[in-house]
Amino acid sequence: MPIRSGTSRRMALALGLALASTTAGTFAWAQAPYPNKPIKLIVPFPPGGGTDLLARTVAQKLSDTLKWTVIIDNRPGAGGNIGVDAVAKSAPDGYTLVMGQTSNLAVNPTLYPKLPYDPLKDLVPVVLVASSPIAIVVPPQSRYKSFADIVAAAKAKPDALTLGFSGNGTVAHLSGEQVKKAAGIQMQNVPYKGAAQAMTDVMSGQVDIYMSSVPTLLGHVNNGKLRAIAVTSATRSSELPQTPTLAESGYPGFDASTWFGILAPAGTPAAIVKTLNTEINKVLKQPDVAAKLKSEGGDVLGGSTEQFGALLKTDIVRWGQIVRDSGARID
């Protein structure tokens, strides 16, 4: 039985209204302001370390100035791989980010033959946050007053001294291997899962020497619980101005540092990445944030996503060669 023309017009009108409503709803959803729910910033190390301190500083300022809700989620393990992998496999919607660093992004691709993520394919750089040299520290009661003292002791008794660092394959670990090679010495490695237990052991003298980023160690050096012997950067740390570089200590050209940056899952919309980059750059330029990061031993970076991406590509090649030269490998 044929449908009457009036009925046909009413059905067409109803269908049109339904489509219009759906389209409008979809458009409104697509245009919803970002962010409109909490952002999770994963730190792939335990609380209290340099990465954690920098992440909390940035997250707090974003919350204070923009009223964004940024939640720090510490997910340590496997040299940072667990936390980074969690972000690499998250929805690319801008609500799960990671504070990565040189070790888990530039070192681990060579160190771990079965790395569960590819930093260049599974993540998109958002913004560099800061960089820091590695510091060599000893307990305050240690008889080692200079790096030359350490070298002399290590040569007198090879493998008698213990060298601690947080995690196999970290920049601190590989910098330690470079230090030993440059000085022609042997020390017994003592890797830790995080900075907290390591700090207890080195302060009490259970570990002779410890290496980590300046942000991790600065507070303990300033309060006299650790003594800085040297830094691995080409120039002195602005927060440890009395501490010589290894280059000044007789090893010209020695230069090793670590950087920290925020990344998102690959496929995150470019507009969201741009928003994050813009707002975090604004935060990093605020005098109180710059002063805070500096007081924690970090040199503020910032910059474009392209600059971060270029550095990541370069450092994967650079640190990959250092890993191969060291013979380090974690299955």
Protein backbone atom coordinates (compact mmCIF):
# COMPACT_ATOMS: atom_id res chain seq x y z
CA MET A 1 0.00 0.00 0.00
CA PRO A 2 1.54 3.36 -1.08
CA ILE A 3 2.55 5.88 1.57
CA ARG A 4 0.62 9.14 1.44
CA SER A 5 2.60 12.21 0.46
CA GLY A 6 1.87 13.94 3.82
CA THR A 7 3.19 10.96 5.70
CA SER A 8 6.28 10.89 3.48
CA ARG A 9 6.98 14.56 4.14
CA ARG A 10 6.60 14.07 7.89
CA MET A 11 8.98 11.10 7.87
CA ALA A 12 11.54 13.03 5.83
CA LEU A 13 11.25 15.98 8.20
CA ALA A 14 11.70 13.74 11.24
CA LEU A 15 14.71 12.05 9.67
CA GLY A 16 16.24 15.41 8.81
CA LEU A 17 15.77 16.67 12.35
CA ALA A 18 17.33 13.51 13.77
CA LEU A 19 20.35 13.83 11.47
CA ALA A 20 20.71 17.50 12.30
CA SER A 21 20.57 16.74 16.01
CA THR A 22 23.17 14.00 15.66
CA THR A 23 25.46 16.20 13.57
CA ALA A 24 25.14 19.07 16.02
CA GLY A 25 25.88 16.78 18.93
CA THR A 26 28.93 15.34 17.17
CA PHE A 27 30.16 18.84 16.33
CA ALA A 28 29.65 19.99 19.90
CA TRP A 29 31.57 16.96 21.16
CA ALA A 30 34.41 17.55 18.71
CA GLN A 31 34.60 21.20 19.73
CA ALA A 32 34.58 20.53 23.49
CA PRO A 33 37.40 22.54 25.07
CA TYR A 34 40.57 20.70 26.02
CA PRO A 35 41.00 19.64 28.72
CA ASN A 36 37.59 18.93 30.14
CA LYS A 37 38.67 16.19 32.56
CA PRO A 38 41.78 15.35 34.62
CA ILE A 39 45.10 14.81 32.82
CA LYS A 40 47.27 11.95 34.06
CA LEU A 41 51.03 12.62 33.94
CA ILE A 42 52.84 9.34 34.40
CA VAL A 43 56.28 9.43 36.02
CA PRO A 44 58.08 6.15 35.23
CA PHE A 45 60.12 6.28 38.45
CA PRO A 46 59.34 6.24 42.18
CA PRO A 47 58.44 9.45 44.05
CA GLY A 48 61.29 11.64 45.25
CA GLY A 49 63.65 11.38 42.28
CA GLY A 50 64.58 14.11 39.82
CA THR A 51 61.96 13.14 37.23
CA ASP A 52 59.24 13.14 39.88
CA LEU A 53 60.26 16.56 41.26
CA LEU A 54 60.21 18.19 37.83
CA ALA A 55 56.87 16.60 36.91
CA ARG A 56 55.23 17.79 40.12
CA THR A 57 56.50 21.34 39.63
CA VAL A 58 55.02 21.57 36.14
CA ALA A 59 51.77 19.82 37.11
CA GLN A 60 51.21 22.10 40.09
CA LYS A 61 51.75 25.25 38.05
CA LEU A 62 49.36 24.10 35.32
CA SER A 63 46.79 23.48 38.04
CA ASP A 64 47.41 26.86 39.68
CA THR A 65 47.39 29.02 36.56
CA LEU A 66 44.95 27.24 34.27
CA LYS A 67 42.85 25.35 36.81
CA TRP A 68 43.68 22.14 34.97
CA THR A 69 43.62 18.98 37.06
CA VAL A 70 46.95 17.23 36.47
CA ILE A 71 47.44 14.04 38.46
CA ILE A 72 50.91 12.54 38.95
CA ASP A 73 50.93 8.75 38.57
CA ASN A 74 54.22 7.07 39.56
CA ARG A 75 54.76 3.80 37.70
CA PRO A 76 58.34 2.65 38.28
CA GLY A 77 60.01 -0.47 36.99
CA ALA A 78 62.18 -1.89 34.22
CA GLY A 79 64.29 1.23 33.85
CA GLY A 80 61.22 3.37 33.20
CA ASN A 81 59.83 1.05 30.53
CA ILE A 82 56.65 0.17 32.43
CA GLY A 83 55.50 3.77 32.74
CA VAL A 84 56.46 4.79 29.22
CA ASP A 85 54.82 1.70 27.73
CA ALA A 86 51.59 2.46 29.61
CA VAL A 87 51.44 5.84 27.87
CA ALA A 88 52.43 4.44 24.47
CA LYS A 89 49.44 2.09 24.68
CA SER A 90 46.98 4.67 26.05
CA ALA A 91 44.21 6.38 24.11
CA PRO A 92 45.66 9.25 22.05
CA ASP A 93 43.31 11.85 23.50
CA GLY A 94 45.72 14.07 25.44
CA TYR A 95 44.64 12.81 28.85
CA THR A 96 47.58 10.45 29.47
CA LEU A 97 51.09 11.87 29.23
CA VAL A 98 54.54 10.81 30.38
CA MET A 99 57.51 12.68 31.80
CA GLY A 100 60.20 10.80 29.94
CA GLN A 101 63.93 11.26 30.04
CA THR A 102 67.09 10.33 28.19
CA SER A 103 67.36 6.87 29.74
CA ASN A 104 63.95 5.44 28.85
CA LEU A 105 63.65 7.20 25.49
CA ALA A 106 67.18 7.36 24.03
CA VAL A 107 69.09 4.65 25.92
CA ASN A 108 66.57 1.84 26.33
CA PRO A 109 65.87 1.27 22.61
CA THR A 110 69.38 -0.19 22.34
CA LEU A 111 69.74 -1.52 25.89
CA TYR A 112 66.56 -3.64 25.74
CA PRO A 113 66.36 -5.91 22.66
CA LYS A 114 62.65 -6.50 23.36
CA LEU A 115 61.57 -2.98 24.28
CA PRO A 116 57.73 -2.97 24.23
CA TYR A 117 57.50 0.47 22.60
CA ASP A 118 59.25 2.49 19.92
CA PRO A 119 59.84 6.08 21.12
CA LEU A 120 59.76 7.43 17.57
CA LYS A 121 56.65 5.54 16.42
CA ASP A 122 54.53 5.09 19.54
CA LEU A 123 54.97 8.51 21.15
CA VAL A 124 54.79 12.12 20.05
CA PRO A 125 57.06 14.73 21.67
CA VAL A 126 55.18 17.55 23.40
CA VAL A 127 57.85 19.72 25.01
CA LEU A 128 61.27 19.51 26.62
CA VAL A 129 61.18 20.58 30.25
CA ALA A 130 64.72 20.63 31.60
CA SER A 131 68.19 19.15 31.44
CA SER A 132 70.68 18.26 34.13
CA PRO A 133 74.22 16.98 34.49
CA ILE A 134 74.99 13.86 36.46
CA ALA A 135 76.68 14.45 39.81
CA ILE A 136 79.17 12.17 41.54
CA VAL A 137 78.61 12.22 45.30
CA VAL A 138 79.99 10.54 48.41
CA PRO A 139 78.84 10.34 52.03
CA PRO A 140 79.81 13.40 54.09
CA GLN A 141 82.17 11.29 56.21
CA SER A 142 83.98 9.88 53.16
CA ARG A 143 87.74 10.27 52.92
CA TYR A 144 87.42 11.03 49.21
CA LYS A 145 87.64 14.79 48.73
CA SER A 146 88.16 14.86 44.97
CA PHE A 147 87.74 12.66 41.94
CA ALA A 148 91.50 12.15 41.95
CA ASP A 149 91.14 10.55 45.40
CA ILE A 150 88.56 8.12 44.03
CA VAL A 151 90.78 7.23 41.07
CA ALA A 152 93.78 6.62 43.32
CA ALA A 153 91.79 4.36 45.64
CA ALA A 154 90.22 2.44 42.77
CA LYS A 155 93.58 1.84 41.13
CA ALA A 156 95.08 0.69 44.42
CA LYS A 157 92.28 -1.84 44.96
CA PRO A 158 90.33 -2.63 41.76
CA ASP A 159 86.65 -3.46 42.35
CA ALA A 160 86.92 -2.63 46.05
CA LEU A 161 84.91 0.59 45.76
CA THR A 162 81.14 0.42 45.22
CA LEU A 163 79.38 2.70 42.73
CA GLY A 164 75.64 3.11 43.11
CA PHE A 165 73.10 4.41 40.60
CA SER A 166 69.38 4.15 40.02
CA GLY A 167 68.68 1.39 37.51
CA ASN A 168 70.71 -0.51 34.93
CA GLY A 169 70.96 1.31 31.64
CA THR A 170 70.12 4.74 33.01
CA VAL A 171 72.17 7.75 31.99
CA ALA A 172 73.79 7.64 35.43
CA HIS A 173 74.79 4.00 34.90
CA LEU A 174 76.22 4.59 31.44
CA SER A 175 77.90 7.80 32.53
CA GLY A 176 79.50 5.76 35.31
CA GLU A 177 80.78 3.28 32.75
CA GLN A 178 82.22 6.18 30.73
CA VAL A 179 83.83 7.59 33.87
CA LYS A 180 85.48 4.27 34.72
CA LYS A 181 86.70 3.86 31.16
CA ALA A 182 88.09 7.38 30.99
CA ALA A 183 89.91 7.00 34.32
CA GLY A 184 91.02 3.43 33.68
CA ILE A 185 89.51 2.13 36.91
CA GLN A 186 87.21 -0.67 38.08
CA MET A 187 84.44 -0.33 40.65
CA GLN A 188 81.66 -2.66 41.72
CA ASN A 189 78.28 -1.54 40.38
CA VAL A 190 75.32 -1.36 42.78
CA PRO A 191 72.10 -0.67 40.84
CA TYR A 192 68.97 0.47 42.69
CA LYS A 193 65.31 0.49 41.65
CA GLY A 194 64.90 4.09 42.76
CA ALA A 195 66.54 6.97 44.55
CA ALA A 196 64.95 6.55 48.00
CA GLN A 197 66.77 3.41 49.15
CA ALA A 198 69.92 4.50 47.37
CA MET A 199 70.02 7.77 49.31
CA THR A 200 69.74 5.91 52.61
CA ASP A 201 72.61 3.60 51.71
CA VAL A 202 74.98 6.22 50.36
CA MET A 203 74.38 8.66 53.22
CA SER A 204 75.13 5.92 55.74
CA GLY A 205 78.28 4.91 53.89
CA GLN A 206 77.07 1.48 52.77
CA VAL A 207 77.83 2.61 49.21
CA ASP A 208 81.09 4.45 48.56
CA ILE A 209 80.03 6.56 45.58
CA TYR A 210 76.73 7.40 43.95
CA MET A 211 75.83 8.97 40.60
CA SER A 212 72.50 10.56 39.69
CA SER A 213 70.98 13.70 38.20
CA VAL A 214 71.52 16.96 40.06
CA PRO A 215 67.77 17.39 40.83
CA THR A 216 67.80 14.07 42.67
CA LEU A 217 70.86 14.92 44.74
CA LEU A 218 70.82 18.68 45.20
CA GLY A 219 68.75 18.86 48.38
CA HIS A 220 70.92 16.27 50.11
CA VAL A 221 74.10 18.07 49.04
CA ASN A 222 72.79 21.41 50.25
CA ASN A 223 71.84 20.05 53.68
CA GLY A 224 75.20 18.38 54.12
CA LYS A 225 74.02 14.77 53.90
CA LEU A 226 76.04 14.18 50.71
CA ARG A 227 79.19 15.75 49.30
CA ALA A 228 79.49 16.45 45.57
CA ILE A 229 82.83 15.46 44.03
CA ALA A 230 82.27 16.29 40.35
CA VAL A 231 79.64 16.82 37.65
CA THR A 232 79.66 15.20 34.22
CA SER A 233 78.60 18.19 32.13
CA ALA A 234 80.94 20.32 30.02
CA THR A 235 80.36 23.29 32.32
CA ARG A 236 79.71 23.56 36.04
CA SER A 237 76.18 23.30 37.38
CA SER A 238 74.77 26.69 38.35
CA GLU A 239 73.43 25.11 41.54
CA LEU A 240 76.73 23.41 42.40
CA PRO A 241 79.15 26.17 41.39
CA GLN A 242 81.92 24.96 43.69
CA THR A 243 81.86 21.44 42.22
CA PRO A 244 84.33 20.91 39.36
CA THR A 245 83.50 19.16 36.12
CA LEU A 246 85.23 15.95 35.14
CA ALA A 247 86.85 17.92 32.33
CA GLU A 248 88.37 20.18 34.97
CA SER A 249 89.38 17.12 36.96
CA GLY A 250 91.70 15.89 34.26
CA TYR A 251 89.35 14.40 31.65
CA PRO A 252 88.98 17.03 28.91
CA GLY A 253 85.99 16.69 26.62
CA PHE A 254 83.93 14.61 29.05
CA ASP A 255 80.28 15.63 28.74
CA ALA A 256 77.20 13.67 29.77
CA SER A 257 73.83 15.00 30.87
CA THR A 258 70.21 13.96 30.92
CA TRP A 259 67.09 15.74 29.71
CA PHE A 260 63.45 15.48 30.75
CA GLY A 261 60.44 15.99 28.50
CA ILE A 262 56.72 15.38 28.22
CA LEU A 263 55.29 13.09 25.53
CA ALA A 264 51.87 11.83 24.48
CA PRO A 265 50.71 8.68 22.68
CA ALA A 266 51.20 8.69 18.92
CA GLY A 267 48.04 9.80 17.15
CA THR A 268 47.19 12.49 19.69
CA PRO A 269 45.51 15.31 17.72
CA ALA A 270 47.95 18.01 16.64
CA ALA A 271 45.72 20.70 18.15
CA ILE A 272 45.97 19.08 21.58
CA VAL A 273 49.74 18.67 21.30
CA LYS A 274 49.99 22.34 20.32
CA THR A 275 47.84 23.40 23.28
CA LEU A 276 50.00 21.40 25.67
CA ASN A 277 53.21 22.73 24.15
CA THR A 278 52.01 26.32 24.32
CA GLU A 279 50.76 26.18 27.90
CA ILE A 280 53.74 24.25 29.28
CA ASN A 281 56.13 26.67 27.57
CA LYS A 282 54.28 29.52 29.27
CA VAL A 283 54.66 27.75 32.61
CA LEU A 284 58.38 27.19 32.08
CA LYS A 285 58.89 30.89 31.35
CA GLN A 286 57.31 32.01 34.61
CA PRO A 287 60.04 33.29 36.94
CA ASP A 288 58.92 31.26 39.95
CA VAL A 289 58.87 28.02 37.96
CA ALA A 290 62.28 28.71 36.40
CA ALA A 291 63.63 29.49 39.87
CA LYS A 292 62.05 26.33 41.29
CA LEU A 293 63.52 24.09 38.58
CA LYS A 294 66.87 25.78 38.96
CA SER A 295 66.77 25.31 42.73
CA GLU A 296 66.18 21.62 42.07
CA GLY A 297 69.21 21.48 39.78
CA GLY A 298 67.47 21.59 36.40
CA ASP A 299 68.20 23.94 33.53
CA VAL A 300 64.91 25.02 31.92
CA LEU A 301 64.56 24.11 28.24
CA GLY A 302 61.10 24.43 26.65
CA GLY A 303 60.86 24.92 22.90
CA SER A 304 58.89 23.39 20.05
CA THR A 305 57.75 19.83 19.51
CA GLU A 306 59.99 19.74 16.43
CA GLN A 307 63.07 20.60 18.51
CA PHE A 308 62.25 17.86 20.97
CA GLY A 309 61.73 15.37 18.15
CA ALA A 310 65.07 16.26 16.55
CA LEU A 311 66.91 15.84 19.87
CA LEU A 312 65.25 12.49 20.47
CA LYS A 313 66.35 11.16 17.08
CA THR A 314 69.91 12.39 17.57
CA ASP A 315 70.23 11.03 21.10
CA ILE A 316 68.87 7.58 20.21
CA VAL A 317 71.82 7.28 17.81
CA ARG A 318 74.34 8.81 20.23
CA TRP A 319 73.37 6.81 23.33
CA GLY A 320 72.85 3.69 21.27
CA GLN A 321 76.55 3.76 20.40
CA ILE A 322 77.48 4.32 24.05
CA VAL A 323 75.37 1.30 25.06
CA ARG A 324 77.01 -0.88 22.40
CA ASP A 325 80.49 0.28 23.43
CA SER A 326 79.72 -0.51 27.08
CA GLY A 327 78.47 -4.00 26.27
CA ALA A 328 75.40 -3.41 28.46
CA ARG A 329 72.28 -5.40 27.61
CA ILE A 330 69.09 -6.23 29.49
CA ASP A 331 66.89 -9.07 28.20
